[in-house]
Amino acid sequence: MDDSSTPQAADDPAGADQADVPMAKRPKIRVGVPVWRTGKPDSVLAAAVDVARNAILSIAEVRQIGVHLGVRSEGERVATHLFESKMPGYGGWQWFAVLTRVSRSKTVTVDEIGLLPSAQSVLAPEWVPWADRVRPGDDDEAVQLAGLITAEIDAVAADDASEREQLLDQEAADAEADTHN
C-alpha cells in the first residue's frame, strides 16, 4: 500500500520524500539531543560560576582547575558548568558541576560534580618520531642508566662465573678423591 496517497502523508513534509523537499524546509533533526536539553540556561544558574568552582574544589586542588569553559542547559532550572582540567595526564578532560534550583528561588544547589573526558581527550596525540621526542639531557640520563644496568649485569655474570668455577673445582676434587679411594 502506498502511504503517499493518504491526505495526511501528502500534507506532512516529514512523511514526503526528502529529495522533493528543499533543504530550507526540511525539519532540523538533532540526533541524540532531547528537545528539552536545548535552549538558554537559567540566568541564576548561569551566573553561579563561583558556586560551581567551589563545589569542584571539594574534590580537586586549586591548581587542577582551569578556566571556566562555559555553561549549558540540562533542562528546566538545571545547568552544567564546565571547567578546564589541569591535572597531569588528563589533557582535554573537563571538570563539571551540575547546578539546580527550586522554582522561584534564587538559592543554587549543587547536584553533581566530577571529571569527564571531552572529544579531544579520547584521541591519541599525534605520533612523534623517537628522534624528535628525545630532548637535550634525555640521552645523558639514558646513557647513565644504561651504564648502571650494564655494570650490574656484568657483576652478576662475574658472580655466576665465579660460582661455576668453584662448583667445577669442587666436583673435580671430589672425583679425584673417589679415584684414590
N, C-alpha and C. Protein backbone atom coordinates (compact mmCIF):
# COMPACT_ATOMS: atom_id res chain seq x y z
N MET A 1 0.85 -1.18 0.00
CA MET A 1 0.00 0.00 0.00
C MET A 1 0.89 1.24 0.00
N ASP A 2 0.59 2.22 -0.80
CA ASP A 2 1.36 3.45 -0.92
C ASP A 2 0.82 4.48 0.06
N ASP A 3 1.65 4.90 1.05
CA ASP A 3 1.22 5.86 2.06
C ASP A 3 1.14 7.28 1.51
N SER A 4 1.77 7.56 0.39
CA SER A 4 1.76 8.93 -0.14
C SER A 4 0.39 9.32 -0.68
N SER A 5 -0.51 8.35 -0.89
CA SER A 5 -1.84 8.67 -1.41
C SER A 5 -2.78 9.15 -0.31
N THR A 6 -2.41 8.93 0.94
CA THR A 6 -3.27 9.39 2.03
C THR A 6 -3.10 10.89 2.20
N PRO A 7 -4.16 11.60 2.58
CA PRO A 7 -4.07 13.06 2.72
C PRO A 7 -3.05 13.47 3.79
N GLN A 8 -2.94 12.70 4.86
CA GLN A 8 -2.02 13.05 5.94
C GLN A 8 -0.57 13.02 5.45
N ALA A 9 -0.21 11.98 4.72
CA ALA A 9 1.17 11.85 4.23
C ALA A 9 1.49 12.92 3.19
N ALA A 10 0.52 13.32 2.39
CA ALA A 10 0.76 14.31 1.35
C ALA A 10 1.00 15.70 1.95
N ASP A 11 0.33 16.01 3.08
CA ASP A 11 0.47 17.32 3.70
C ASP A 11 1.70 17.41 4.62
N ASP A 12 2.24 16.28 5.04
CA ASP A 12 3.33 16.24 6.02
C ASP A 12 4.67 16.19 5.29
N PRO A 13 5.51 17.25 5.39
CA PRO A 13 6.80 17.22 4.70
C PRO A 13 7.72 16.15 5.26
N ALA A 14 7.58 15.81 6.55
CA ALA A 14 8.44 14.78 7.13
C ALA A 14 8.13 13.42 6.52
N GLY A 15 6.87 13.21 6.11
CA GLY A 15 6.49 11.95 5.52
C GLY A 15 6.79 11.90 4.03
N ALA A 16 7.03 13.03 3.43
CA ALA A 16 7.30 13.08 1.99
C ALA A 16 8.73 12.67 1.71
N ASP A 17 8.99 12.38 0.47
CA ASP A 17 10.33 12.01 0.06
C ASP A 17 11.26 13.21 0.28
N GLN A 18 12.38 13.02 0.99
CA GLN A 18 13.28 14.11 1.33
C GLN A 18 13.90 14.76 0.10
N ALA A 19 13.99 14.05 -1.00
CA ALA A 19 14.58 14.62 -2.22
C ALA A 19 13.68 15.70 -2.81
N ASP A 20 12.37 15.61 -2.57
CA ASP A 20 11.41 16.56 -3.12
C ASP A 20 11.30 17.82 -2.26
N VAL A 21 11.77 17.76 -1.00
CA VAL A 21 11.63 18.89 -0.09
C VAL A 21 12.92 19.71 -0.11
N PRO A 22 12.83 21.03 -0.33
CA PRO A 22 14.04 21.86 -0.33
C PRO A 22 14.73 21.81 1.04
N MET A 23 16.05 22.01 1.04
CA MET A 23 16.85 21.94 2.28
C MET A 23 16.33 22.91 3.33
N ALA A 24 15.92 24.10 2.93
CA ALA A 24 15.48 25.12 3.88
C ALA A 24 14.21 24.71 4.61
N LYS A 25 13.39 23.87 3.98
CA LYS A 25 12.12 23.49 4.59
C LYS A 25 12.17 22.16 5.32
N ARG A 26 13.30 21.46 5.23
CA ARG A 26 13.42 20.18 5.95
C ARG A 26 13.51 20.44 7.44
N PRO A 27 12.88 19.61 8.25
CA PRO A 27 12.98 19.81 9.70
C PRO A 27 14.40 19.52 10.18
N LYS A 28 14.87 20.32 11.12
CA LYS A 28 16.22 20.15 11.67
C LYS A 28 16.18 19.00 12.69
N ILE A 29 16.96 17.98 12.43
CA ILE A 29 16.97 16.80 13.30
C ILE A 29 18.24 16.83 14.13
N ARG A 30 18.09 16.72 15.44
CA ARG A 30 19.23 16.65 16.35
C ARG A 30 19.26 15.24 16.94
N VAL A 31 20.12 14.43 16.41
CA VAL A 31 20.22 13.05 16.84
C VAL A 31 20.84 13.00 18.24
N GLY A 32 20.18 12.30 19.17
CA GLY A 32 20.73 12.08 20.50
C GLY A 32 20.57 13.26 21.46
N VAL A 33 20.01 14.38 21.03
CA VAL A 33 19.83 15.52 21.93
C VAL A 33 18.34 15.74 22.12
N PRO A 34 17.82 15.43 23.32
CA PRO A 34 16.40 15.65 23.55
C PRO A 34 16.04 17.13 23.43
N VAL A 35 14.83 17.42 23.02
CA VAL A 35 14.38 18.78 22.80
C VAL A 35 14.49 19.60 24.08
N TRP A 36 14.19 19.00 25.23
CA TRP A 36 14.21 19.76 26.49
C TRP A 36 15.61 20.17 26.92
N ARG A 37 16.66 19.61 26.31
CA ARG A 37 18.03 19.98 26.67
C ARG A 37 18.55 21.17 25.87
N THR A 38 17.83 21.58 24.89
CA THR A 38 18.29 22.70 24.09
C THR A 38 17.76 23.99 24.69
N GLY A 39 18.39 25.06 24.36
CA GLY A 39 17.91 26.34 24.84
C GLY A 39 18.90 27.02 25.75
N LYS A 40 18.52 28.20 26.18
CA LYS A 40 19.36 29.05 27.01
C LYS A 40 19.30 28.58 28.46
N PRO A 41 20.47 28.53 29.15
CA PRO A 41 20.45 28.12 30.56
C PRO A 41 19.76 29.15 31.45
N ASP A 42 19.28 28.71 32.56
CA ASP A 42 18.65 29.55 33.56
C ASP A 42 19.65 30.65 33.97
N SER A 43 19.22 31.90 34.01
CA SER A 43 20.13 33.02 34.26
C SER A 43 20.75 32.98 35.65
N VAL A 44 20.00 32.55 36.66
CA VAL A 44 20.53 32.45 38.03
C VAL A 44 21.61 31.37 38.08
N LEU A 45 21.36 30.24 37.46
CA LEU A 45 22.33 29.14 37.45
C LEU A 45 23.55 29.50 36.60
N ALA A 46 23.34 30.18 35.50
CA ALA A 46 24.45 30.56 34.62
C ALA A 46 25.40 31.53 35.32
N ALA A 47 24.87 32.36 36.20
CA ALA A 47 25.69 33.33 36.92
C ALA A 47 26.42 32.72 38.11
N ALA A 48 26.12 31.49 38.47
CA ALA A 48 26.68 30.86 39.67
C ALA A 48 28.00 30.14 39.39
N VAL A 49 28.91 30.78 38.69
CA VAL A 49 30.20 30.19 38.34
C VAL A 49 31.02 29.91 39.61
N ASP A 50 31.01 30.84 40.56
CA ASP A 50 31.76 30.66 41.81
C ASP A 50 31.24 29.48 42.62
N VAL A 51 29.94 29.29 42.64
CA VAL A 51 29.35 28.15 43.36
C VAL A 51 29.84 26.85 42.73
N ALA A 52 29.85 26.80 41.40
CA ALA A 52 30.31 25.60 40.70
C ALA A 52 31.79 25.34 40.96
N ARG A 53 32.62 26.38 40.90
CA ARG A 53 34.06 26.22 41.14
C ARG A 53 34.32 25.76 42.58
N ASN A 54 33.64 26.35 43.54
CA ASN A 54 33.81 25.95 44.94
C ASN A 54 33.38 24.50 45.17
N ALA A 55 32.36 24.07 44.47
CA ALA A 55 31.92 22.67 44.60
C ALA A 55 33.00 21.73 44.07
N ILE A 56 33.61 22.08 42.96
CA ILE A 56 34.67 21.24 42.39
C ILE A 56 35.90 21.24 43.29
N LEU A 57 36.12 22.35 44.00
CA LEU A 57 37.25 22.42 44.94
C LEU A 57 37.12 21.40 46.07
N SER A 58 35.95 20.85 46.27
CA SER A 58 35.78 19.83 47.31
C SER A 58 36.40 18.49 46.89
N ILE A 59 36.67 18.31 45.59
CA ILE A 59 37.29 17.06 45.12
C ILE A 59 38.60 17.28 44.38
N ALA A 60 38.98 18.53 44.15
CA ALA A 60 40.20 18.82 43.40
C ALA A 60 40.94 19.98 44.06
N GLU A 61 42.23 20.08 43.73
CA GLU A 61 43.03 21.19 44.22
C GLU A 61 42.87 22.39 43.30
N VAL A 62 43.16 23.57 43.82
CA VAL A 62 43.01 24.81 43.05
C VAL A 62 43.81 24.75 41.75
N ARG A 63 45.04 24.23 41.82
CA ARG A 63 45.90 24.20 40.63
C ARG A 63 45.41 23.21 39.57
N GLN A 64 44.48 22.33 39.92
CA GLN A 64 43.98 21.34 38.96
C GLN A 64 42.77 21.84 38.17
N ILE A 65 42.24 22.98 38.56
CA ILE A 65 41.04 23.52 37.91
C ILE A 65 41.44 24.73 37.07
N GLY A 66 41.11 24.67 35.80
CA GLY A 66 41.46 25.75 34.88
C GLY A 66 40.33 26.75 34.70
N VAL A 67 40.32 27.35 33.54
CA VAL A 67 39.34 28.41 33.23
C VAL A 67 37.94 27.82 33.07
N HIS A 68 36.96 28.69 33.27
CA HIS A 68 35.56 28.32 33.06
C HIS A 68 35.32 28.25 31.56
N LEU A 69 34.91 27.08 31.08
CA LEU A 69 34.72 26.88 29.65
C LEU A 69 33.33 27.26 29.17
N GLY A 70 32.36 27.22 30.07
CA GLY A 70 31.01 27.58 29.66
C GLY A 70 29.97 26.90 30.53
N VAL A 71 28.74 27.19 30.21
CA VAL A 71 27.60 26.60 30.92
C VAL A 71 26.59 26.16 29.87
N ARG A 72 25.95 25.03 30.13
CA ARG A 72 24.94 24.54 29.19
C ARG A 72 23.69 24.12 29.96
N SER A 73 22.58 24.27 29.32
CA SER A 73 21.31 23.91 29.93
C SER A 73 21.11 22.41 29.87
N GLU A 74 20.65 21.85 30.98
CA GLU A 74 20.34 20.42 31.03
C GLU A 74 18.84 20.19 31.18
N GLY A 75 18.09 21.26 31.28
CA GLY A 75 16.65 21.16 31.45
C GLY A 75 16.15 22.38 32.18
N GLU A 76 14.92 22.31 32.65
CA GLU A 76 14.34 23.43 33.36
C GLU A 76 15.01 23.59 34.73
N ARG A 77 15.64 24.73 34.95
CA ARG A 77 16.35 25.06 36.19
C ARG A 77 17.45 24.05 36.54
N VAL A 78 18.13 23.53 35.52
CA VAL A 78 19.29 22.65 35.70
C VAL A 78 20.34 23.07 34.67
N ALA A 79 21.57 23.32 35.15
CA ALA A 79 22.64 23.74 34.25
C ALA A 79 23.95 23.09 34.66
N THR A 80 24.81 22.86 33.69
CA THR A 80 26.13 22.27 33.93
C THR A 80 27.20 23.29 33.58
N HIS A 81 28.08 23.56 34.57
CA HIS A 81 29.25 24.42 34.34
C HIS A 81 30.43 23.53 34.04
N LEU A 82 31.23 23.91 33.06
CA LEU A 82 32.42 23.15 32.66
C LEU A 82 33.67 23.97 32.89
N PHE A 83 34.70 23.32 33.45
CA PHE A 83 35.98 23.96 33.71
C PHE A 83 37.08 23.10 33.12
N GLU A 84 38.14 23.74 32.65
CA GLU A 84 39.29 23.04 32.11
C GLU A 84 39.97 22.25 33.22
N SER A 85 40.43 21.05 32.90
CA SER A 85 41.21 20.25 33.86
C SER A 85 42.69 20.48 33.60
N LYS A 86 43.43 20.76 34.66
CA LYS A 86 44.88 20.95 34.54
C LYS A 86 45.63 19.83 35.25
N MET A 87 44.96 18.72 35.48
CA MET A 87 45.61 17.58 36.12
C MET A 87 46.56 16.92 35.13
N PRO A 88 47.77 16.57 35.59
CA PRO A 88 48.70 15.86 34.70
C PRO A 88 48.08 14.53 34.24
N GLY A 89 48.17 14.26 32.96
CA GLY A 89 47.62 13.03 32.42
C GLY A 89 46.15 13.13 32.04
N TYR A 90 45.53 14.27 32.27
CA TYR A 90 44.11 14.45 31.95
C TYR A 90 43.91 15.61 30.99
N GLY A 91 44.78 15.73 30.00
CA GLY A 91 44.64 16.77 28.99
C GLY A 91 43.36 16.61 28.21
N GLY A 92 42.62 17.69 28.06
CA GLY A 92 41.35 17.64 27.33
C GLY A 92 40.16 17.25 28.19
N TRP A 93 40.40 16.84 29.43
CA TRP A 93 39.29 16.50 30.32
C TRP A 93 38.69 17.77 30.89
N GLN A 94 37.46 17.67 31.40
CA GLN A 94 36.77 18.84 31.92
C GLN A 94 36.12 18.51 33.26
N TRP A 95 36.31 19.42 34.21
CA TRP A 95 35.58 19.33 35.47
C TRP A 95 34.16 19.81 35.20
N PHE A 96 33.19 19.21 35.84
CA PHE A 96 31.81 19.67 35.67
C PHE A 96 31.13 19.80 37.02
N ALA A 97 30.20 20.72 37.09
CA ALA A 97 29.34 20.88 38.26
C ALA A 97 27.93 21.11 37.75
N VAL A 98 27.02 20.23 38.13
CA VAL A 98 25.62 20.37 37.75
C VAL A 98 24.92 21.12 38.87
N LEU A 99 24.30 22.23 38.52
CA LEU A 99 23.60 23.07 39.49
C LEU A 99 22.12 23.08 39.20
N THR A 100 21.33 23.27 40.24
CA THR A 100 19.89 23.33 40.08
C THR A 100 19.33 24.30 41.11
N ARG A 101 18.06 24.64 40.96
CA ARG A 101 17.37 25.50 41.93
C ARG A 101 15.89 25.20 41.88
N VAL A 102 15.23 25.51 42.97
CA VAL A 102 13.78 25.33 43.07
C VAL A 102 13.10 26.50 42.37
N SER A 103 11.92 26.26 41.84
CA SER A 103 11.17 27.29 41.17
C SER A 103 10.98 28.50 42.08
N ARG A 104 11.19 29.69 41.54
CA ARG A 104 11.05 30.98 42.21
C ARG A 104 12.05 31.20 43.34
N SER A 105 13.10 30.41 43.38
CA SER A 105 14.13 30.58 44.40
C SER A 105 15.41 31.06 43.74
N LYS A 106 16.19 31.82 44.46
CA LYS A 106 17.49 32.28 43.96
C LYS A 106 18.62 31.46 44.59
N THR A 107 18.29 30.47 45.42
CA THR A 107 19.29 29.62 46.06
C THR A 107 19.70 28.50 45.11
N VAL A 108 21.00 28.45 44.83
CA VAL A 108 21.55 27.45 43.91
C VAL A 108 22.02 26.24 44.70
N THR A 109 21.69 25.06 44.22
CA THR A 109 22.09 23.81 44.86
C THR A 109 22.99 23.02 43.91
N VAL A 110 24.06 22.45 44.48
CA VAL A 110 24.96 21.61 43.68
C VAL A 110 24.36 20.22 43.64
N ASP A 111 24.17 19.71 42.45
CA ASP A 111 23.57 18.40 42.27
C ASP A 111 24.63 17.31 42.08
N GLU A 112 25.66 17.62 41.28
CA GLU A 112 26.67 16.61 40.97
C GLU A 112 27.95 17.30 40.52
N ILE A 113 29.09 16.68 40.84
CA ILE A 113 30.39 17.19 40.40
C ILE A 113 31.23 16.02 39.92
N GLY A 114 32.20 16.32 39.07
CA GLY A 114 33.05 15.23 38.60
C GLY A 114 33.98 15.68 37.48
N LEU A 115 34.58 14.69 36.85
CA LEU A 115 35.54 14.91 35.78
C LEU A 115 35.12 14.06 34.59
N LEU A 116 35.02 14.68 33.42
CA LEU A 116 34.57 13.99 32.21
C LEU A 116 35.57 14.18 31.07
N PRO A 117 35.70 13.17 30.21
CA PRO A 117 36.55 13.35 29.03
C PRO A 117 35.81 14.17 27.98
N SER A 118 36.55 14.93 27.22
CA SER A 118 35.97 15.65 26.10
C SER A 118 36.31 14.89 24.82
N ALA A 119 35.86 15.39 23.71
CA ALA A 119 36.14 14.72 22.44
C ALA A 119 37.64 14.70 22.15
N GLN A 120 38.38 15.73 22.59
CA GLN A 120 39.81 15.79 22.34
C GLN A 120 40.58 14.82 23.24
N SER A 121 40.06 14.52 24.42
CA SER A 121 40.82 13.70 25.37
C SER A 121 40.84 12.23 25.00
N VAL A 122 39.88 11.77 24.24
CA VAL A 122 39.83 10.36 23.91
C VAL A 122 40.62 10.02 22.64
N LEU A 123 41.19 11.04 22.00
CA LEU A 123 42.01 10.82 20.82
C LEU A 123 43.47 10.73 21.23
N ALA A 124 44.17 9.82 20.62
CA ALA A 124 45.60 9.70 20.89
C ALA A 124 46.31 10.93 20.33
N PRO A 125 47.36 11.39 21.02
CA PRO A 125 48.10 12.53 20.47
C PRO A 125 48.79 12.14 19.16
N GLU A 126 49.12 13.15 18.38
CA GLU A 126 49.78 12.91 17.10
C GLU A 126 51.12 12.21 17.35
N TRP A 127 51.43 11.22 16.53
CA TRP A 127 52.64 10.43 16.71
C TRP A 127 53.86 11.29 16.41
N VAL A 128 54.86 11.17 17.25
CA VAL A 128 56.11 11.91 17.07
C VAL A 128 57.24 10.89 17.00
N PRO A 129 58.09 10.95 15.98
CA PRO A 129 59.20 10.00 15.87
C PRO A 129 60.11 10.07 17.08
N TRP A 130 60.75 8.95 17.40
CA TRP A 130 61.60 8.84 18.57
C TRP A 130 62.68 9.92 18.58
N ALA A 131 63.30 10.16 17.44
CA ALA A 131 64.38 11.14 17.37
C ALA A 131 63.90 12.55 17.73
N ASP A 132 62.63 12.84 17.44
CA ASP A 132 62.08 14.16 17.77
C ASP A 132 61.60 14.25 19.22
N ARG A 133 61.34 13.10 19.85
CA ARG A 133 60.88 13.10 21.24
C ARG A 133 62.02 13.29 22.22
N VAL A 134 63.24 12.90 21.84
CA VAL A 134 64.39 12.98 22.74
C VAL A 134 64.79 14.44 22.88
N ARG A 135 64.87 14.88 24.12
CA ARG A 135 65.26 16.26 24.42
C ARG A 135 66.71 16.28 24.88
N PRO A 136 67.37 17.42 24.79
CA PRO A 136 68.74 17.51 25.31
C PRO A 136 68.72 17.14 26.80
N GLY A 137 69.63 16.28 27.16
CA GLY A 137 69.68 15.82 28.55
C GLY A 137 69.04 14.45 28.73
N ASP A 138 68.05 14.12 27.89
CA ASP A 138 67.42 12.80 27.99
C ASP A 138 68.43 11.71 27.69
N ASP A 139 69.27 11.94 26.68
CA ASP A 139 70.23 10.92 26.30
C ASP A 139 71.28 10.73 27.39
N ASP A 140 71.62 11.79 28.15
CA ASP A 140 72.58 11.66 29.24
C ASP A 140 72.05 10.71 30.31
N GLU A 141 70.77 10.89 30.66
CA GLU A 141 70.16 10.02 31.66
C GLU A 141 70.11 8.58 31.15
N ALA A 142 69.78 8.43 29.89
CA ALA A 142 69.69 7.09 29.31
C ALA A 142 71.05 6.40 29.31
N VAL A 143 72.09 7.17 28.97
CA VAL A 143 73.44 6.60 28.96
C VAL A 143 73.86 6.20 30.37
N GLN A 144 73.57 7.07 31.34
CA GLN A 144 73.90 6.76 32.73
C GLN A 144 73.15 5.52 33.20
N LEU A 145 71.87 5.48 32.89
CA LEU A 145 71.07 4.33 33.29
C LEU A 145 71.56 3.06 32.60
N ALA A 146 71.87 3.17 31.32
CA ALA A 146 72.39 2.01 30.59
C ALA A 146 73.71 1.56 31.19
N GLY A 147 74.56 2.50 31.58
CA GLY A 147 75.84 2.16 32.21
C GLY A 147 75.64 1.44 33.53
N LEU A 148 74.70 1.90 34.34
CA LEU A 148 74.42 1.25 35.62
C LEU A 148 73.89 -0.17 35.40
N ILE A 149 73.01 -0.31 34.45
CA ILE A 149 72.44 -1.63 34.16
C ILE A 149 73.52 -2.57 33.64
N THR A 150 74.36 -2.07 32.74
CA THR A 150 75.44 -2.89 32.19
C THR A 150 76.39 -3.32 33.30
N ALA A 151 76.76 -2.40 34.20
CA ALA A 151 77.65 -2.73 35.31
C ALA A 151 77.03 -3.78 36.22
N GLU A 152 75.74 -3.65 36.47
CA GLU A 152 75.04 -4.62 37.33
C GLU A 152 74.99 -5.99 36.66
N ILE A 153 74.73 -6.02 35.37
CA ILE A 153 74.70 -7.29 34.63
C ILE A 153 76.08 -7.94 34.64
N ASP A 154 77.12 -7.13 34.43
CA ASP A 154 78.49 -7.65 34.45
C ASP A 154 78.84 -8.21 35.82
N ALA A 155 78.41 -7.53 36.89
CA ALA A 155 78.69 -8.00 38.25
C ALA A 155 77.99 -9.33 38.53
N VAL A 156 76.75 -9.44 38.11
CA VAL A 156 76.00 -10.69 38.31
C VAL A 156 76.64 -11.80 37.49
N ALA A 157 77.04 -11.50 36.26
CA ALA A 157 77.67 -12.51 35.41
C ALA A 157 79.00 -12.96 36.01
N ALA A 158 79.78 -12.02 36.57
CA ALA A 158 81.05 -12.37 37.20
C ALA A 158 80.82 -13.26 38.42
N ASP A 159 79.81 -12.94 39.22
CA ASP A 159 79.48 -13.76 40.39
C ASP A 159 79.07 -15.16 39.95
N ASP A 160 78.28 -15.24 38.89
CA ASP A 160 77.84 -16.55 38.38
C ASP A 160 79.04 -17.36 37.88
N ALA A 161 79.95 -16.71 37.18
CA ALA A 161 81.13 -17.40 36.65
C ALA A 161 82.01 -17.89 37.81
N SER A 162 82.16 -17.07 38.83
CA SER A 162 82.97 -17.45 39.99
C SER A 162 82.34 -18.65 40.70
N GLU A 163 81.03 -18.64 40.85
CA GLU A 163 80.34 -19.77 41.49
C GLU A 163 80.48 -21.03 40.65
N ARG A 164 80.38 -20.90 39.33
CA ARG A 164 80.53 -22.06 38.45
C ARG A 164 81.93 -22.65 38.57
N GLU A 165 82.95 -21.77 38.60
CA GLU A 165 84.33 -22.26 38.75
C GLU A 165 84.52 -23.01 40.07
N GLN A 166 83.94 -22.46 41.13
CA GLN A 166 84.05 -23.11 42.44
C GLN A 166 83.37 -24.48 42.42
N LEU A 167 82.20 -24.55 41.79
CA LEU A 167 81.48 -25.83 41.71
C LEU A 167 82.28 -26.84 40.88
N LEU A 168 82.83 -26.39 39.75
CA LEU A 168 83.63 -27.28 38.91
C LEU A 168 84.88 -27.76 39.65
N ASP A 169 85.56 -26.86 40.37
CA ASP A 169 86.73 -27.24 41.17
C ASP A 169 86.35 -28.25 42.25
N GLN A 170 85.20 -28.04 42.89
CA GLN A 170 84.75 -28.95 43.95
C GLN A 170 84.42 -30.32 43.36
N GLU A 171 83.74 -30.32 42.21
CA GLU A 171 83.41 -31.60 41.57
C GLU A 171 84.68 -32.33 41.13
N ALA A 172 85.65 -31.59 40.62
CA ALA A 172 86.92 -32.20 40.21
C ALA A 172 87.65 -32.78 41.42
N ALA A 173 87.65 -32.06 42.52
CA ALA A 173 88.31 -32.54 43.74
C ALA A 173 87.61 -33.78 44.27
N ASP A 174 86.29 -33.80 44.23
CA ASP A 174 85.52 -34.96 44.70
C ASP A 174 85.79 -36.17 43.81
N ALA A 175 85.86 -35.95 42.48
CA ALA A 175 86.11 -37.04 41.55
C ALA A 175 87.52 -37.59 41.76
N GLU A 176 88.50 -36.74 42.01
CA GLU A 176 89.86 -37.18 42.25
C GLU A 176 89.96 -37.96 43.57
N ALA A 177 89.24 -37.51 44.55
CA ALA A 177 89.25 -38.20 45.85
C ALA A 177 88.63 -39.58 45.71
N ASP A 178 87.60 -39.72 44.87
CA ASP A 178 86.94 -41.00 44.68
C ASP A 178 87.87 -41.98 43.95
N THR A 179 88.70 -41.49 43.05
CA THR A 179 89.60 -42.36 42.31
C THR A 179 90.75 -42.87 43.18
N HIS A 180 91.14 -42.12 44.19
CA HIS A 180 92.23 -42.52 45.09
C HIS A 180 91.73 -43.48 46.16
N ASN A 181 90.48 -43.54 46.39
CA ASN A 181 89.96 -44.45 47.42
C ASN A 181 89.70 -45.80 46.91
